[in-house]
Amino acid sequence: MPLFKKRTAGKPGEWYYCLEHKKVEEGPECPAKDRFGPYASRAEAEHAMETARERNLQWENDPAWHDGSKGRDEG
């Protein structure tokens, strides 16, 4: 008997965005490496890529993210 059970089906109400198929899924249908989530609603999952773009912009403009690491040649 395995120590950990492999979870193949998601719970109803868990929404994911599949990066490979570019579609919303209720419960994970695709491997974790290919999806974002879980989200609380289908609408949130539908906007997963937009949310990721917004967060990436915030991180790129965060001065703490670009702190000029010591010992790194920037030029």
PDB file of N, CA and C in Angstrom:
ATOM      1  N   MET A   1       0.848  -1.183   0.000  1.00  0.00           N
ATOM      2  CA  MET A   1       0.000   0.000   0.000  1.00  0.00           C
ATOM      3  C   MET A   1       0.890   1.240   0.000  1.00  0.00           C
ATOM      4  N   PRO A   2       0.659   2.174  -0.921  1.00  0.00           N
ATOM      5  CA  PRO A   2       1.494   3.375  -0.999  1.00  0.00           C
ATOM      6  C   PRO A   2       1.285   4.277   0.201  1.00  0.00           C
ATOM      7  N   LEU A   3       2.345   4.979   0.527  1.00  0.00           N
ATOM      8  CA  LEU A   3       2.296   5.891   1.656  1.00  0.00           C
ATOM      9  C   LEU A   3       1.398   7.091   1.365  1.00  0.00           C
ATOM     10  N   PHE A   4       1.475   7.603   0.151  1.00  0.00           N
ATOM     11  CA  PHE A   4       0.663   8.740  -0.249  1.00  0.00           C
ATOM     12  C   PHE A   4      -0.214   8.347  -1.420  1.00  0.00           C
ATOM     13  N   LYS A   5      -1.460   8.764  -1.374  1.00  0.00           N
ATOM     14  CA  LYS A   5      -2.359   8.493  -2.485  1.00  0.00           C
ATOM     15  C   LYS A   5      -2.157   9.550  -3.559  1.00  0.00           C
ATOM     16  N   LYS A   6      -2.157   9.131  -4.796  1.00  0.00           N
ATOM     17  CA  LYS A   6      -2.046  10.065  -5.909  1.00  0.00           C
ATOM     18  C   LYS A   6      -3.421  10.668  -6.143  1.00  0.00           C
ATOM     19  N   ARG A   7      -3.489  11.979  -6.059  1.00  0.00           N
ATOM     20  CA  ARG A   7      -4.759  12.662  -6.248  1.00  0.00           C
ATOM     21  C   ARG A   7      -4.960  12.916  -7.735  1.00  0.00           C
ATOM     22  N   THR A   8      -5.940  12.262  -8.305  1.00  0.00           N
ATOM     23  CA  THR A   8      -6.174  12.413  -9.736  1.00  0.00           C
ATOM     24  C   THR A   8      -7.357  13.319 -10.036  1.00  0.00           C
ATOM     25  N   ALA A   9      -8.284  13.440  -9.109  1.00  0.00           N
ATOM     26  CA  ALA A   9      -9.466  14.263  -9.361  1.00  0.00           C
ATOM     27  C   ALA A   9      -9.504  15.406  -8.363  1.00  0.00           C
ATOM     28  N   GLY A  10      -9.945  16.543  -8.827  1.00  0.00           N
ATOM     29  CA  GLY A  10     -10.061  17.706  -7.963  1.00  0.00           C
ATOM     30  C   GLY A  10     -11.389  17.719  -7.241  1.00  0.00           C
ATOM     31  N   LYS A  11     -11.528  18.666  -6.377  1.00  0.00           N
ATOM     32  CA  LYS A  11     -12.776  18.840  -5.652  1.00  0.00           C
ATOM     33  C   LYS A  11     -13.717  19.714  -6.471  1.00  0.00           C
ATOM     34  N   PRO A  12     -15.003  19.455  -6.405  1.00  0.00           N
ATOM     35  CA  PRO A  12     -15.941  20.356  -7.075  1.00  0.00           C
ATOM     36  C   PRO A  12     -15.758  21.776  -6.533  1.00  0.00           C
ATOM     37  N   GLY A  13     -15.760  22.737  -7.416  1.00  0.00           N
ATOM     38  CA  GLY A  13     -15.571  24.122  -7.000  1.00  0.00           C
ATOM     39  C   GLY A  13     -14.131  24.593  -7.058  1.00  0.00           C
ATOM     40  N   GLU A  14     -13.181  23.707  -7.338  1.00  0.00           N
ATOM     41  CA  GLU A  14     -11.790  24.112  -7.553  1.00  0.00           C
ATOM     42  C   GLU A  14     -11.602  24.321  -9.041  1.00  0.00           C
ATOM     43  N   TRP A  15     -11.152  25.489  -9.412  1.00  0.00           N
ATOM     44  CA  TRP A  15     -10.991  25.828 -10.822  1.00  0.00           C
ATOM     45  C   TRP A  15      -9.520  26.043 -11.134  1.00  0.00           C
ATOM     46  N   TYR A  16      -9.105  25.601 -12.313  1.00  0.00           N
ATOM     47  CA  TYR A  16      -7.722  25.696 -12.763  1.00  0.00           C
ATOM     48  C   TYR A  16      -7.692  26.241 -14.190  1.00  0.00           C
ATOM     49  N   TYR A  17      -6.544  26.810 -14.562  1.00  0.00           N
ATOM     50  CA  TYR A  17      -6.325  27.217 -15.941  1.00  0.00           C
ATOM     51  C   TYR A  17      -5.189  26.371 -16.486  1.00  0.00           C
ATOM     52  N   CYS A  18      -5.468  25.600 -17.538  1.00  0.00           N
ATOM     53  CA  CYS A  18      -4.457  24.740 -18.150  1.00  0.00           C
ATOM     54  C   CYS A  18      -3.645  25.560 -19.142  1.00  0.00           C
ATOM     55  N   LEU A  19      -2.345  25.639 -18.915  1.00  0.00           N
ATOM     56  CA  LEU A  19      -1.451  26.405 -19.774  1.00  0.00           C
ATOM     57  C   LEU A  19      -1.209  25.710 -21.120  1.00  0.00           C
ATOM     58  N   GLU A  20      -1.278  24.404 -21.140  1.00  0.00           N
ATOM     59  CA  GLU A  20      -1.033  23.663 -22.376  1.00  0.00           C
ATOM     60  C   GLU A  20      -2.238  23.729 -23.317  1.00  0.00           C
ATOM     61  N   HIS A  21      -3.436  23.528 -22.756  1.00  0.00           N
ATOM     62  CA  HIS A  21      -4.644  23.505 -23.583  1.00  0.00           C
ATOM     63  C   HIS A  21      -5.354  24.858 -23.644  1.00  0.00           C
ATOM     64  N   LYS A  22      -4.875  25.803 -22.821  1.00  0.00           N
ATOM     65  CA  LYS A  22      -5.437  27.156 -22.768  1.00  0.00           C
ATOM     66  C   LYS A  22      -6.942  27.122 -22.530  1.00  0.00           C
ATOM     67  N   LYS A  23      -7.309  26.384 -21.452  1.00  0.00           N
ATOM     68  CA  LYS A  23      -8.719  26.277 -21.104  1.00  0.00           C
ATOM     69  C   LYS A  23      -8.877  26.159 -19.593  1.00  0.00           C
ATOM     70  N   VAL A  24     -10.082  26.466 -19.144  1.00  0.00           N
ATOM     71  CA  VAL A  24     -10.428  26.378 -17.730  1.00  0.00           C
ATOM     72  C   VAL A  24     -10.915  24.960 -17.439  1.00  0.00           C
ATOM     73  N   GLU A  25     -10.507  24.429 -16.283  1.00  0.00           N
ATOM     74  CA  GLU A  25     -10.902  23.085 -15.871  1.00  0.00           C
ATOM     75  C   GLU A  25     -11.484  23.145 -14.465  1.00  0.00           C
ATOM     76  N   GLU A  26     -12.541  22.381 -14.216  1.00  0.00           N
ATOM     77  CA  GLU A  26     -13.021  22.230 -12.841  1.00  0.00           C
ATOM     78  C   GLU A  26     -12.365  20.977 -12.301  1.00  0.00           C
ATOM     79  N   GLY A  27     -11.567  21.159 -11.265  1.00  0.00           N
ATOM     80  CA  GLY A  27     -10.753  20.057 -10.778  1.00  0.00           C
ATOM     81  C   GLY A  27      -9.584  19.884 -11.723  1.00  0.00           C
ATOM     82  N   PRO A  28      -8.424  19.502 -11.223  1.00  0.00           N
ATOM     83  CA  PRO A  28      -7.260  19.400 -12.113  1.00  0.00           C
ATOM     84  C   PRO A  28      -7.404  18.215 -13.062  1.00  0.00           C
ATOM     85  N   GLU A  29      -7.404  18.500 -14.336  1.00  0.00           N
ATOM     86  CA  GLU A  29      -7.422  17.449 -15.352  1.00  0.00           C
ATOM     87  C   GLU A  29      -6.012  17.218 -15.888  1.00  0.00           C
ATOM     88  N   CYS A  30      -5.195  18.263 -15.883  1.00  0.00           N
ATOM     89  CA  CYS A  30      -3.836  18.194 -16.425  1.00  0.00           C
ATOM     90  C   CYS A  30      -2.816  18.216 -15.283  1.00  0.00           C
ATOM     91  N   PRO A  31      -1.574  17.824 -15.557  1.00  0.00           N
ATOM     92  CA  PRO A  31      -0.532  17.813 -14.526  1.00  0.00           C
ATOM     93  C   PRO A  31      -0.294  19.214 -13.940  1.00  0.00           C
ATOM     94  N   ALA A  32       0.143  19.251 -12.702  1.00  0.00           N
ATOM     95  CA  ALA A  32       0.378  20.513 -11.993  1.00  0.00           C
ATOM     96  C   ALA A  32       1.355  21.415 -12.746  1.00  0.00           C
ATOM     97  N   LYS A  33       2.317  20.845 -13.439  1.00  0.00           N
ATOM     98  CA  LYS A  33       3.308  21.657 -14.158  1.00  0.00           C
ATOM     99  C   LYS A  33       2.682  22.443 -15.299  1.00  0.00           C
ATOM    100  N   ASP A  34       1.480  22.062 -15.712  1.00  0.00           N
ATOM    101  CA  ASP A  34       0.823  22.695 -16.853  1.00  0.00           C
ATOM    102  C   ASP A  34      -0.372  23.561 -16.469  1.00  0.00           C
ATOM    103  N   ARG A  35      -0.518  23.910 -15.186  1.00  0.00           N
ATOM    104  CA  ARG A  35      -1.714  24.657 -14.816  1.00  0.00           C
ATOM    105  C   ARG A  35      -1.478  25.677 -13.717  1.00  0.00           C
ATOM    106  N   PHE A  36      -2.331  26.670 -13.673  1.00  0.00           N
ATOM    107  CA  PHE A  36      -2.405  27.646 -12.579  1.00  0.00           C
ATOM    108  C   PHE A  36      -3.640  27.304 -11.766  1.00  0.00           C
ATOM    109  N   GLY A  37      -3.571  27.530 -10.455  1.00  0.00           N
ATOM    110  CA  GLY A  37      -4.754  27.338  -9.621  1.00  0.00           C
ATOM    111  C   GLY A  37      -4.400  26.591  -8.361  1.00  0.00           C
ATOM    112  N   PRO A  38      -5.357  26.339  -7.527  1.00  0.00           N
ATOM    113  CA  PRO A  38      -6.791  26.465  -7.763  1.00  0.00           C
ATOM    114  C   PRO A  38      -7.299  27.888  -7.546  1.00  0.00           C
ATOM    115  N   TYR A  39      -8.379  28.196  -8.227  1.00  0.00           N
ATOM    116  CA  TYR A  39      -9.086  29.458  -8.076  1.00  0.00           C
ATOM    117  C   TYR A  39     -10.448  29.169  -7.464  1.00  0.00           C
ATOM    118  N   ALA A  40     -11.021  30.161  -6.813  1.00  0.00           N
ATOM    119  CA  ALA A  40     -12.305  29.996  -6.135  1.00  0.00           C
ATOM    120  C   ALA A  40     -13.480  29.979  -7.104  1.00  0.00           C
ATOM    121  N   SER A  41     -13.299  30.550  -8.286  1.00  0.00           N
ATOM    122  CA  SER A  41     -14.407  30.598  -9.238  1.00  0.00           C
ATOM    123  C   SER A  41     -13.903  30.396 -10.664  1.00  0.00           C
ATOM    124  N   ARG A  42     -14.825  30.063 -11.528  1.00  0.00           N
ATOM    125  CA  ARG A  42     -14.502  29.898 -12.944  1.00  0.00           C
ATOM    126  C   ARG A  42     -14.002  31.217 -13.532  1.00  0.00           C
ATOM    127  N   ALA A  43     -14.633  32.324 -13.131  1.00  0.00           N
ATOM    128  CA  ALA A  43     -14.244  33.646 -13.643  1.00  0.00           C
ATOM    129  C   ALA A  43     -12.796  33.974 -13.299  1.00  0.00           C
ATOM    130  N   GLU A  44     -12.381  33.664 -12.065  1.00  0.00           N
ATOM    131  CA  GLU A  44     -10.980  33.906 -11.676  1.00  0.00           C
ATOM    132  C   GLU A  44     -10.038  33.081 -12.540  1.00  0.00           C
ATOM    133  N   ALA A  45     -10.378  31.829 -12.791  1.00  0.00           N
ATOM    134  CA  ALA A  45      -9.534  30.960 -13.612  1.00  0.00           C
ATOM    135  C   ALA A  45      -9.477  31.463 -15.053  1.00  0.00           C
ATOM    136  N   GLU A  46     -10.581  31.998 -15.551  1.00  0.00           N
ATOM    137  CA  GLU A  46     -10.604  32.521 -16.919  1.00  0.00           C
ATOM    138  C   GLU A  46      -9.649  33.700 -17.095  1.00  0.00           C
ATOM    139  N   HIS A  47      -9.388  34.422 -16.010  1.00  0.00           N
ATOM    140  CA  HIS A  47      -8.506  35.593 -16.060  1.00  0.00           C
ATOM    141  C   HIS A  47      -7.107  35.296 -15.529  1.00  0.00           C
ATOM    142  N   ALA A  48      -6.740  34.019 -15.470  1.00  0.00           N
ATOM    143  CA  ALA A  48      -5.452  33.614 -14.894  1.00  0.00           C
ATOM    144  C   ALA A  48      -4.270  34.259 -15.593  1.00  0.00           C
ATOM    145  N   MET A  49      -4.274  34.289 -16.914  1.00  0.00           N
ATOM    146  CA  MET A  49      -3.142  34.856 -17.648  1.00  0.00           C
ATOM    147  C   MET A  49      -3.055  36.366 -17.449  1.00  0.00           C
ATOM    148  N   GLU A  50      -4.184  37.036 -17.397  1.00  0.00           N
ATOM    149  CA  GLU A  50      -4.203  38.482 -17.145  1.00  0.00           C
ATOM    150  C   GLU A  50      -3.667  38.778 -15.745  1.00  0.00           C
ATOM    151  N   THR A  51      -4.094  37.988 -14.771  1.00  0.00           N
ATOM    152  CA  THR A  51      -3.610  38.153 -13.397  1.00  0.00           C
ATOM    153  C   THR A  51      -2.103  37.939 -13.334  1.00  0.00           C
ATOM    154  N   ALA A  52      -1.600  36.922 -14.039  1.00  0.00           N
ATOM    155  CA  ALA A  52      -0.160  36.647 -14.051  1.00  0.00           C
ATOM    156  C   ALA A  52       0.609  37.812 -14.667  1.00  0.00           C
ATOM    157  N   ARG A  53       0.097  38.372 -15.769  1.00  0.00           N
ATOM    158  CA  ARG A  53       0.762  39.526 -16.403  1.00  0.00           C
ATOM    159  C   ARG A  53       0.820  40.718 -15.452  1.00  0.00           C
ATOM    160  N   GLU A  54      -0.299  40.986 -14.759  1.00  0.00           N
ATOM    161  CA  GLU A  54      -0.338  42.109 -13.817  1.00  0.00           C
ATOM    162  C   GLU A  54       0.663  41.907 -12.684  1.00  0.00           C
ATOM    163  N   ARG A  55       0.723  40.695 -12.151  1.00  0.00           N
ATOM    164  CA  ARG A  55       1.661  40.415 -11.056  1.00  0.00           C
ATOM    165  C   ARG A  55       3.103  40.502 -11.524  1.00  0.00           C
ATOM    166  N   ASN A  56       3.382  40.029 -12.732  1.00  0.00           N
ATOM    167  CA  ASN A  56       4.740  40.136 -13.273  1.00  0.00           C
ATOM    168  C   ASN A  56       5.161  41.591 -13.397  1.00  0.00           C
ATOM    169  N   LEU A  57       4.258  42.450 -13.862  1.00  0.00           N
ATOM    170  CA  LEU A  57       4.565  43.879 -13.963  1.00  0.00           C
ATOM    171  C   LEU A  57       4.846  44.482 -12.591  1.00  0.00           C
ATOM    172  N   GLN A  58       4.051  44.103 -11.599  1.00  0.00           N
ATOM    173  CA  GLN A  58       4.277  44.601 -10.235  1.00  0.00           C
ATOM    174  C   GLN A  58       5.654  44.180  -9.737  1.00  0.00           C
ATOM    175  N   TRP A  59       6.023  42.927  -9.954  1.00  0.00           N
ATOM    176  CA  TRP A  59       7.322  42.437  -9.490  1.00  0.00           C
ATOM    177  C   TRP A  59       8.463  43.096 -10.249  1.00  0.00           C
ATOM    178  N   GLU A  60       8.285  43.293 -11.552  1.00  0.00           N
ATOM    179  CA  GLU A  60       9.340  43.926 -12.349  1.00  0.00           C
ATOM    180  C   GLU A  60       9.577  45.369 -11.926  1.00  0.00           C
ATOM    181  N   ASN A  61       8.549  46.020 -11.415  1.00  0.00           N
ATOM    182  CA  ASN A  61       8.669  47.415 -10.991  1.00  0.00           C
ATOM    183  C   ASN A  61       8.901  47.567  -9.490  1.00  0.00           C
ATOM    184  N   ASP A  62       9.064  46.466  -8.794  1.00  0.00           N
ATOM    185  CA  ASP A  62       9.304  46.496  -7.348  1.00  0.00           C
ATOM    186  C   ASP A  62      10.789  46.747  -7.100  1.00  0.00           C
ATOM    187  N   PRO A  63      11.130  47.860  -6.434  1.00  0.00           N
ATOM    188  CA  PRO A  63      12.551  48.157  -6.207  1.00  0.00           C
ATOM    189  C   PRO A  63      13.271  47.085  -5.380  1.00  0.00           C
ATOM    190  N   ALA A  64      12.568  46.382  -4.537  1.00  0.00           N
ATOM    191  CA  ALA A  64      13.200  45.329  -3.733  1.00  0.00           C
ATOM    192  C   ALA A  64      13.587  44.132  -4.610  1.00  0.00           C
ATOM    193  N   TRP A  65      12.885  43.935  -5.720  1.00  0.00           N
ATOM    194  CA  TRP A  65      13.181  42.820  -6.614  1.00  0.00           C
ATOM    195  C   TRP A  65      14.473  43.075  -7.371  1.00  0.00           C
ATOM    196  N   HIS A  66      14.729  44.327  -7.732  1.00  0.00           N
ATOM    197  CA  HIS A  66      15.929  44.714  -8.463  1.00  0.00           C
ATOM    198  C   HIS A  66      16.855  45.486  -7.518  1.00  0.00           C
ATOM    199  N   ASP A  67      17.420  44.774  -6.579  1.00  0.00           N
ATOM    200  CA  ASP A  67      18.218  45.438  -5.543  1.00  0.00           C
ATOM    201  C   ASP A  67      19.692  45.572  -5.925  1.00  0.00           C
ATOM    202  N   GLY A  68      20.056  45.262  -7.155  1.00  0.00           N
ATOM    203  CA  GLY A  68      21.456  45.388  -7.580  1.00  0.00           C
ATOM    204  C   GLY A  68      22.339  44.430  -6.827  1.00  0.00           C
ATOM    205  N   SER A  69      22.097  43.165  -6.971  1.00  0.00           N
ATOM    206  CA  SER A  69      22.836  42.128  -6.243  1.00  0.00           C
ATOM    207  C   SER A  69      24.330  42.360  -6.335  1.00  0.00           C
ATOM    208  N   LYS A  70      24.996  42.263  -5.196  1.00  0.00           N
ATOM    209  CA  LYS A  70      26.437  42.462  -5.128  1.00  0.00           C
ATOM    210  C   LYS A  70      27.175  41.353  -5.850  1.00  0.00           C
ATOM    211  N   GLY A  71      28.277  41.737  -6.498  1.00  0.00           N
ATOM    212  CA  GLY A  71      29.101  40.752  -7.163  1.00  0.00           C
ATOM    213  C   GLY A  71      28.623  40.381  -8.557  1.00  0.00           C
ATOM    214  N   ARG A  72      27.548  41.018  -8.995  1.00  0.00           N
ATOM    215  CA  ARG A  72      27.002  40.717 -10.314  1.00  0.00           C
ATOM    216  C   ARG A  72      27.399  41.803 -11.303  1.00  0.00           C
ATOM    217  N   ASP A  73      27.920  41.412 -12.422  1.00  0.00           N
ATOM    218  CA  ASP A  73      28.330  42.363 -13.453  1.00  0.00           C
ATOM    219  C   ASP A  73      27.101  42.803 -14.235  1.00  0.00           C
ATOM    220  N   GLU A  74      26.791  44.084 -14.200  1.00  0.00           N
ATOM    221  CA  GLU A  74      25.596  44.597 -14.867  1.00  0.00           C
ATOM    222  C   GLU A  74      25.932  45.309 -16.151  1.00  0.00           C
ATOM    223  N   GLY A  75      27.009  45.039 -16.751  1.00  0.00           N
ATOM    224  CA  GLY A  75      27.234  45.823 -17.880  1.00  0.00           C
ATOM    225  C   GLY A  75      27.995  45.364 -18.981  1.00  0.00           C
TER     226      GLY A  75
END
